C-alpha atoms as a PDB file:
ATOM      1  CA  MET A   1      -7.904 -17.193  33.310  1.00  0.00           C
ATOM      2  CA  ARG A   2      -4.139 -16.294  32.874  1.00  0.00           C
ATOM      3  CA  TYR A   3      -3.783 -16.415  36.415  1.00  0.00           C
ATOM      4  CA  VAL A   4      -5.854 -19.498  37.143  1.00  0.00           C
ATOM      5  CA  THR A   5      -3.634 -21.283  34.610  1.00  0.00           C
ATOM      6  CA  SER A   6      -0.588 -19.913  35.455  1.00  0.00           C
ATOM      7  CA  PRO A   7      -0.737 -18.458  39.122  1.00  0.00           C
ATOM      8  CA  ASP A   8       2.983 -17.333  38.992  1.00  0.00           C
ATOM      9  CA  ARG A   9       2.273 -14.489  36.980  1.00  0.00           C
ATOM     10  CA  ASP A  10       0.010 -12.886  38.910  1.00  0.00           C
ATOM     11  CA  LYS A  11       2.554 -10.191  39.986  1.00  0.00           C
ATOM     12  CA  SER A  12      -0.296  -9.820  43.374  1.00  0.00           C
ATOM     13  CA  GLY A  13       0.628 -12.765  44.789  1.00  0.00           C
ATOM     14  CA  GLU A  14      -2.928 -13.405  45.386  1.00  0.00           C
ATOM     15  CA  TRP A  15      -2.879 -16.566  43.089  1.00  0.00           C
ATOM     16  CA  ALA A  16      -0.225 -17.786  43.965  1.00  0.00           C
ATOM     17  CA  LYS A  17      -1.064 -18.263  47.751  1.00  0.00           C
ATOM     18  CA  ILE A  18      -4.164 -20.044  46.498  1.00  0.00           C
ATOM     19  CA  LYS A  19      -2.383 -22.673  44.530  1.00  0.00           C
ATOM     20  CA  THR A  20       0.107 -23.211  47.812  1.00  0.00           C
ATOM     21  CA  GLU A  21      -2.793 -23.226  49.986  1.00  0.00           C
ATOM     22  CA  TRP A  22      -5.111 -26.074  47.574  1.00  0.00           C
ATOM     23  CA  GLY A  23      -1.752 -28.001  47.665  1.00  0.00           C
ATOM     24  CA  GLU A  24      -1.395 -31.263  45.376  1.00  0.00           C
ATOM     25  CA  ASN A  25      -5.484 -30.591  45.001  1.00  0.00           C
ATOM     26  CA  TRP A  26      -4.896 -27.158  43.053  1.00  0.00           C
ATOM     27  CA  GLU A  27      -5.521 -28.608  39.608  1.00  0.00           C
ATOM     28  CA  GLY A  28      -8.718 -30.369  40.519  1.00  0.00           C
ATOM     29  CA  ARG A  29      -9.992 -27.718  42.286  1.00  0.00           C
ATOM     30  CA  SER A  30      -8.812 -24.861  40.104  1.00  0.00           C
ATOM     31  CA  ASN A  31     -10.960 -26.716  37.228  1.00  0.00           C
ATOM     32  CA  ASP A  32     -13.637 -27.634  39.288  1.00  0.00           C
ATOM     33  CA  MET A  33     -13.943 -23.706  39.637  1.00  0.00           C
ATOM     34  CA  LEU A  34     -13.877 -22.789  36.468  1.00  0.00           C
ATOM     35  CA  ARG A  35     -16.668 -25.817  35.240  1.00  0.00           C
ATOM     36  CA  ASP A  36     -18.414 -24.132  38.474  1.00  0.00           C
ATOM     37  CA  PHE A  37     -18.469 -20.806  36.543  1.00  0.00           C
ATOM     38  CA  ALA A  38     -18.899 -21.980  33.371  1.00  0.00           C
ATOM     39  CA  SER A  39     -22.273 -23.881  34.514  1.00  0.00           C
ATOM     40  CA  VAL A  40     -23.815 -20.933  35.959  1.00  0.00           C
ATOM     41  CA  LEU A  41     -23.421 -19.043  32.088  1.00  0.00           C
ATOM     42  CA  LEU A  42     -24.606 -22.267  30.736  1.00  0.00           C
ATOM     43  CA  GLY A  43     -27.824 -21.626  32.601  1.00  0.00           C
ATOM     44  CA  SER A  44     -27.955 -18.004  32.256  1.00  0.00           C
ATOM     45  CA  ASN A  45     -29.416 -15.888  29.306  1.00  0.00           C
ATOM     46  CA  MET A  46     -26.370 -14.392  28.751  1.00  0.00           C
ATOM     47  CA  VAL A  47     -24.873 -14.719  24.961  1.00  0.00           C
ATOM     48  CA  ALA A  48     -21.557 -14.751  23.722  1.00  0.00           C
ATOM     49  CA  VAL A  49     -20.106 -12.798  20.784  1.00  0.00           C
ATOM     50  CA  GLY A  50     -16.621 -11.530  20.092  1.00  0.00           C
ATOM     51  CA  ALA A  51     -13.196 -12.278  17.768  1.00  0.00           C
ATOM     52  CA  THR A  52     -10.013 -14.317  17.963  1.00  0.00           C
ATOM     53  CA  LEU A  53      -7.514 -13.335  14.955  1.00  0.00           C
ATOM     54  CA  ASP A  54      -4.769 -14.481  13.718  1.00  0.00           C
ATOM     55  CA  ALA A  55      -2.850 -11.022  14.004  1.00  0.00           C
ATOM     56  CA  LYS A  56       0.169 -12.161  12.636  1.00  0.00           C
ATOM     57  CA  TYR A  57      -1.477 -13.335   9.212  1.00  0.00           C
ATOM     58  CA  PHE A  58      -3.369 -10.519   9.020  1.00  0.00           C
ATOM     59  CA  LYS A  59      -0.308  -8.323   9.494  1.00  0.00           C
ATOM     60  CA  SER A  60       0.941 -10.285   6.493  1.00  0.00           C
ATOM     61  CA  MET A  61      -1.573  -9.582   4.388  1.00  0.00           C
ATOM     62  CA  PRO A  62      -1.260  -7.579   0.824  1.00  0.00           C
ATOM     63  CA  GLU A  63      -3.019  -4.097   0.863  1.00  0.00           C
ATOM     64  CA  SER A  64      -6.199  -4.085   0.225  1.00  0.00           C
ATOM     65  CA  PRO A  65      -9.629  -1.606   0.741  1.00  0.00           C
ATOM     66  CA  TRP A  66     -10.849  -4.131   2.999  1.00  0.00           C
ATOM     67  CA  LYS A  67      -7.403  -4.375   5.062  1.00  0.00           C
ATOM     68  CA  LYS A  68      -7.398  -0.410   4.857  1.00  0.00           C
ATOM     69  CA  THR A  69     -10.569   0.009   6.305  1.00  0.00           C
ATOM     70  CA  MET A  70      -9.816  -2.685   9.281  1.00  0.00           C
ATOM     71  CA  ARG A  71      -6.829  -0.712   9.818  1.00  0.00           C
ATOM     72  CA  ASP A  72      -4.809  -3.583  12.078  1.00  0.00           C
ATOM     73  CA  PRO A  73      -6.123  -6.594  14.206  1.00  0.00           C
ATOM     74  CA  ILE A  74      -7.631  -4.633  17.510  1.00  0.00           C
ATOM     75  CA  PHE A  75      -9.792  -2.472  15.281  1.00  0.00           C
ATOM     76  CA  LEU A  76     -11.219  -5.151  13.114  1.00  0.00           C
ATOM     77  CA  GLY A  77     -12.022  -7.328  16.713  1.00  0.00           C
ATOM     78  CA  PHE A  78     -13.533  -4.404  18.356  1.00  0.00           C
ATOM     79  CA  PHE A  79     -15.619  -4.281  15.182  1.00  0.00           C
ATOM     80  CA  THR A  80     -16.384  -7.998  14.921  1.00  0.00           C
ATOM     81  CA  LEU A  81     -17.467  -7.310  18.391  1.00  0.00           C
ATOM     82  CA  LEU A  82     -19.730  -4.618  17.900  1.00  0.00           C
ATOM     83  CA  MET A  83     -21.500  -5.526  15.313  1.00  0.00           C
ATOM     84  CA  GLU A  84     -22.404  -9.258  16.458  1.00  0.00           C
ATOM     85  CA  ALA A  85     -23.462  -7.802  19.489  1.00  0.00           C
ATOM     86  CA  LEU A  86     -25.684  -5.722  17.296  1.00  0.00           C
ATOM     87  CA  ASP A  87     -26.735  -8.569  15.503  1.00  0.00           C
ATOM     88  CA  LYS A  88     -27.756 -10.566  18.480  1.00  0.00           C
ATOM     89  CA  ILE A  89     -30.186  -7.381  20.123  1.00  0.00           C
ATOM     90  CA  ASP A  90     -31.522  -7.131  16.696  1.00  0.00           C
ATOM     91  CA  ARG A  91     -33.428 -10.185  17.482  1.00  0.00           C
ATOM     92  CA  ILE A  92     -35.029  -8.434  20.004  1.00  0.00           C
ATOM     93  CA  ASN A  93     -34.997  -4.767  19.106  1.00  0.00           C
ATOM     94  CA  LYS A  94     -33.538  -2.864  16.270  1.00  0.00           C
ATOM     95  CA  GLN A  95     -33.689   0.239  18.152  1.00  0.00           C
ATOM     96  CA  LEU A  96     -32.175  -0.714  21.297  1.00  0.00           C
ATOM     97  CA  SER A  97     -28.920   1.117  22.423  1.00  0.00           C
ATOM     98  CA  VAL A  98     -25.708  -0.514  23.607  1.00  0.00           C
ATOM     99  CA  ALA A  99     -23.102   0.234  25.841  1.00  0.00           C
ATOM    100  CA  VAL A 100     -20.028  -1.670  26.194  1.00  0.00           C
ATOM    101  CA  ILE A 101     -18.261  -2.082  29.430  1.00  0.00           C
ATOM    102  CA  VAL A 102     -14.460  -2.610  29.089  1.00  0.00           C
ATOM    103  CA  ASP A 103     -12.140  -4.218  31.756  1.00  0.00           C
ATOM    104  CA  ASP A 104     -10.804  -1.533  33.766  1.00  0.00           C
ATOM    105  CA  ASP A 105      -7.071  -0.776  32.754  1.00  0.00           C
ATOM    106  CA  PRO A 106      -5.804   3.152  32.726  1.00  0.00           C
ATOM    107  CA  GLU A 107      -3.057   2.428  30.581  1.00  0.00           C
ATOM    108  CA  HIS A 108      -5.208   1.233  27.596  1.00  0.00           C
ATOM    109  CA  ALA A 109      -8.645   3.269  28.224  1.00  0.00           C
ATOM    110  CA  LYS A 110      -8.202   6.012  26.219  1.00  0.00           C
ATOM    111  CA  ASP A 111      -6.978   3.405  23.528  1.00  0.00           C
ATOM    112  CA  TYR A 112     -10.421   1.951  23.746  1.00  0.00           C
ATOM    113  CA  TYR A 113     -11.774   5.270  23.315  1.00  0.00           C
ATOM    114  CA  ASP A 114     -10.161   6.078  20.444  1.00  0.00           C
ATOM    115  CA  LEU A 115     -11.115   2.867  18.841  1.00  0.00           C
ATOM    116  CA  LEU A 116     -14.545   3.530  19.087  1.00  0.00           C
ATOM    117  CA  ALA A 117     -14.708   6.934  17.944  1.00  0.00           C
ATOM    118  CA  GLY A 118     -13.056   5.789  14.957  1.00  0.00           C
ATOM    119  CA  LEU A 119     -15.271   2.988  14.059  1.00  0.00           C
ATOM    120  CA  ARG A 120     -18.115   5.597  15.008  1.00  0.00           C
ATOM    121  CA  ALA A 121     -16.484   7.688  12.090  1.00  0.00           C
ATOM    122  CA  LYS A 122     -16.849   4.732   9.379  1.00  0.00           C
ATOM    123  CA  PHE A 123     -19.725   2.893  10.400  1.00  0.00           C
ATOM    124  CA  PRO A 124     -23.183   4.410  10.996  1.00  0.00           C
ATOM    125  CA  ARG A 125     -24.855   1.580  12.494  1.00  0.00           C
ATOM    126  CA  ILE A 126     -22.063   2.252  15.421  1.00  0.00           C
ATOM    127  CA  ARG A 127     -22.477   5.293  15.314  1.00  0.00           C
ATOM    128  CA  GLU A 128     -26.219   5.378  15.723  1.00  0.00           C
ATOM    129  CA  ARG A 129     -26.256   2.310  18.306  1.00  0.00           C
ATOM    130  CA  ILE A 130     -23.465   1.996  20.344  1.00  0.00           C
ATOM    131  CA  SER A 131     -24.290   4.944  23.137  1.00  0.00           C
ATOM    132  CA  ALA A 132     -21.694   4.841  25.452  1.00  0.00           C
ATOM    133  CA  ILE A 133     -18.411   3.159  26.783  1.00  0.00           C
ATOM    134  CA  THR A 134     -17.435   2.703  30.050  1.00  0.00           C
ATOM    135  CA  PHE A 135     -15.175   0.615  32.681  1.00  0.00           C
ATOM    136  CA  GLY A 136     -15.425  -1.782  35.355  1.00  0.00           C
ATOM    137  CA  ASP A 137     -13.624  -3.850  37.934  1.00  0.00           C
ATOM    138  CA  ASP A 138     -13.732  -7.767  36.459  1.00  0.00           C
ATOM    139  CA  ARG A 139     -13.583  -8.686  40.245  1.00  0.00           C
ATOM    140  CA  ALA A 140     -17.312  -7.079  40.972  1.00  0.00           C
ATOM    141  CA  TYR A 141     -18.744  -7.326  37.351  1.00  0.00           C
ATOM    142  CA  PRO A 142     -18.893 -11.362  36.600  1.00  0.00           C
ATOM    143  CA  ALA A 143     -19.361 -10.597  32.941  1.00  0.00           C
ATOM    144  CA  LEU A 144     -16.285  -9.313  32.241  1.00  0.00           C
ATOM    145  CA  GLN A 145     -14.441 -12.321  33.524  1.00  0.00           C
ATOM    146  CA  MET A 146     -16.885 -14.302  31.165  1.00  0.00           C
ATOM    147  CA  ALA A 147     -15.353 -12.308  28.567  1.00  0.00           C
ATOM    148  CA  ASP A 148     -11.743 -13.165  29.855  1.00  0.00           C
ATOM    149  CA  MET A 149     -12.756 -17.085  30.062  1.00  0.00           C
ATOM    150  CA  LEU A 150     -14.603 -16.527  25.845  1.00  0.00           C
ATOM    151  CA  ALA A 151     -11.232 -14.771  25.221  1.00  0.00           C
ATOM    152  CA  PHE A 152      -9.016 -17.406  26.596  1.00  0.00           C
ATOM    153  CA  GLU A 153     -10.874 -20.397  25.458  1.00  0.00           C
ATOM    154  CA  SER A 154     -11.602 -19.635  22.071  1.00  0.00           C
ATOM    155  CA  ARG A 155      -7.725 -18.477  21.313  1.00  0.00           C
ATOM    156  CA  ARG A 156      -6.816 -21.771  22.715  1.00  0.00           C
ATOM    157  CA  LEU A 157      -9.532 -23.233  20.356  1.00  0.00           C
ATOM    158  CA  MET A 158      -8.449 -21.466  17.544  1.00  0.00           C
ATOM    159  CA  VAL A 159      -4.529 -22.245  17.915  1.00  0.00           C
ATOM    160  CA  GLU A 160      -5.283 -25.755  18.300  1.00  0.00           C
ATOM    161  CA  ARG A 161      -7.290 -25.954  14.915  1.00  0.00           C
ATOM    162  CA  MET A 162      -4.804 -24.521  12.941  1.00  0.00           C
ATOM    163  CA  LYS A 163      -2.652 -27.589  13.850  1.00  0.00           C
ATOM    164  CA  ASN A 164      -5.885 -29.957  13.927  1.00  0.00           C
ATOM    165  CA  PRO A 165      -8.477 -28.770  12.161  1.00  0.00           C
ATOM    166  CA  GLY A 166     -11.056 -31.600  13.799  1.00  0.00           C
ATOM    167  CA  VAL A 167      -9.943 -30.657  17.100  1.00  0.00           C
ATOM    168  CA  LYS A 168     -13.341 -30.673  19.384  1.00  0.00           C
ATOM    169  CA  ALA A 169     -13.630 -27.664  21.541  1.00  0.00           C
ATOM    170  CA  SER A 170     -13.020 -27.826  25.088  1.00  0.00           C
ATOM    171  CA  ASP A 171     -16.167 -28.514  27.607  1.00  0.00           C
ATOM    172  CA  LEU A 172     -15.489 -24.943  29.126  1.00  0.00           C
ATOM    173  CA  TYR A 173     -15.860 -23.515  25.770  1.00  0.00           C
ATOM    174  CA  ALA A 174     -18.861 -25.506  24.925  1.00  0.00           C
ATOM    175  CA  ALA A 175     -20.543 -24.494  28.471  1.00  0.00           C
ATOM    176  CA  ILE A 176     -19.640 -20.732  27.550  1.00  0.00           C
ATOM    177  CA  THR A 177     -21.276 -20.545  24.201  1.00  0.00           C
ATOM    178  CA  SER A 178     -24.832 -21.741  24.906  1.00  0.00           C
ATOM    179  CA  ARG A 179     -23.014 -25.463  23.511  1.00  0.00           C
ATOM    180  CA  GLY A 180     -21.725 -23.808  20.545  1.00  0.00           C
ATOM    181  CA  MET A 181     -25.114 -21.649  19.429  1.00  0.00           C
ATOM    182  CA  HIS A 182     -23.338 -18.374  20.645  1.00  0.00           C
ATOM    183  CA  GLN A 183     -19.641 -18.665  19.385  1.00  0.00           C
ATOM    184  CA  PRO A 184     -17.212 -15.835  18.968  1.00  0.00           C
ATOM    185  CA  LYS A 185     -15.771 -15.414  15.128  1.00  0.00           C
ATOM    186  CA  LEU A 186     -12.072 -16.812  14.553  1.00  0.00           C
ATOM    187  CA  TRP A 187     -10.648 -15.009  12.197  1.00  0.00           C
ATOM    188  CA  THR A 188      -8.433 -17.541  10.536  1.00  0.00           C
ATOM    189  CA  GLY A 189      -6.128 -17.058   8.022  1.00  0.00           C
ATOM    190  CA  ASP A 190      -8.853 -18.705   5.445  1.00  0.00           C
ATOM    191  CA  SER A 191     -11.556 -16.227   6.761  1.00  0.00           C
ATOM    192  CA  LEU A 192      -9.288 -13.291   6.518  1.00  0.00           C
ATOM    193  CA  ASP A 193      -9.096 -13.847   3.183  1.00  0.00           C
ATOM    194  CA  LYS A 194     -12.244 -14.528   2.070  1.00  0.00           C
ATOM    195  CA  ALA A 195     -12.661 -11.135   4.041  1.00  0.00           C
ATOM    196  CA  ALA A 196     -10.656  -8.822   1.656  1.00  0.00           C
ATOM    197  CA  GLN A 197     -11.558 -10.576  -1.310  1.00  0.00           C
ATOM    198  CA  ILE A 198     -15.422  -9.895  -0.630  1.00  0.00           C
ATOM    199  CA  GLY A 199     -15.008  -6.554   1.527  1.00  0.00           C
ATOM    200  CA  ILE A 200     -17.258  -5.753   3.819  1.00  0.00           C
ATOM    201  CA  SER A 201     -20.439  -3.529   4.036  1.00  0.00           C
ATOM    202  CA  GLU A 202     -22.555  -1.854   6.794  1.00  0.00           C
ATOM    203  CA  SER A 203     -25.753  -3.579   7.599  1.00  0.00           C
END
């Protein structure tokens, strides 16, 4: 999504080349491409889960037991992703083990492993149910491209709603969230404050 929306950021030059080839049709064709991909997701059995956080707000929050447990925005985001995924899977079978596939990035691979280890240490449900973590090439694994699109669109939606709470989600966001049935958690300042007040339990 980053390169489709800003081809010049692609250091390989691949997307800049495509933009040049498509010429004045670039904007229309790239939007059509994204819509086509989103329509495939809408017609599939895939379910969106995830988290988009106001990281700056989280870091500015006063210390609390909840904030201490959640550690930092990445830890909270990964926690939310795993717990919401388990909630969805539990509708089918509460005993299924779950594997996590992360976009292949040698620079940060160990960070994700350490994140999972930290979550396993704190939360029995994650320790008992998340059985594996592995890494995949998003060019060969379309689900990772779906996750990238979801992250991009959910961040854009949260930023827009911070300015205008009544703004509607994009057509892409609607398609990849099953018309809003399965949406990522938007951790705004208000929801972060409420979580800190209520605390969090393993359930």
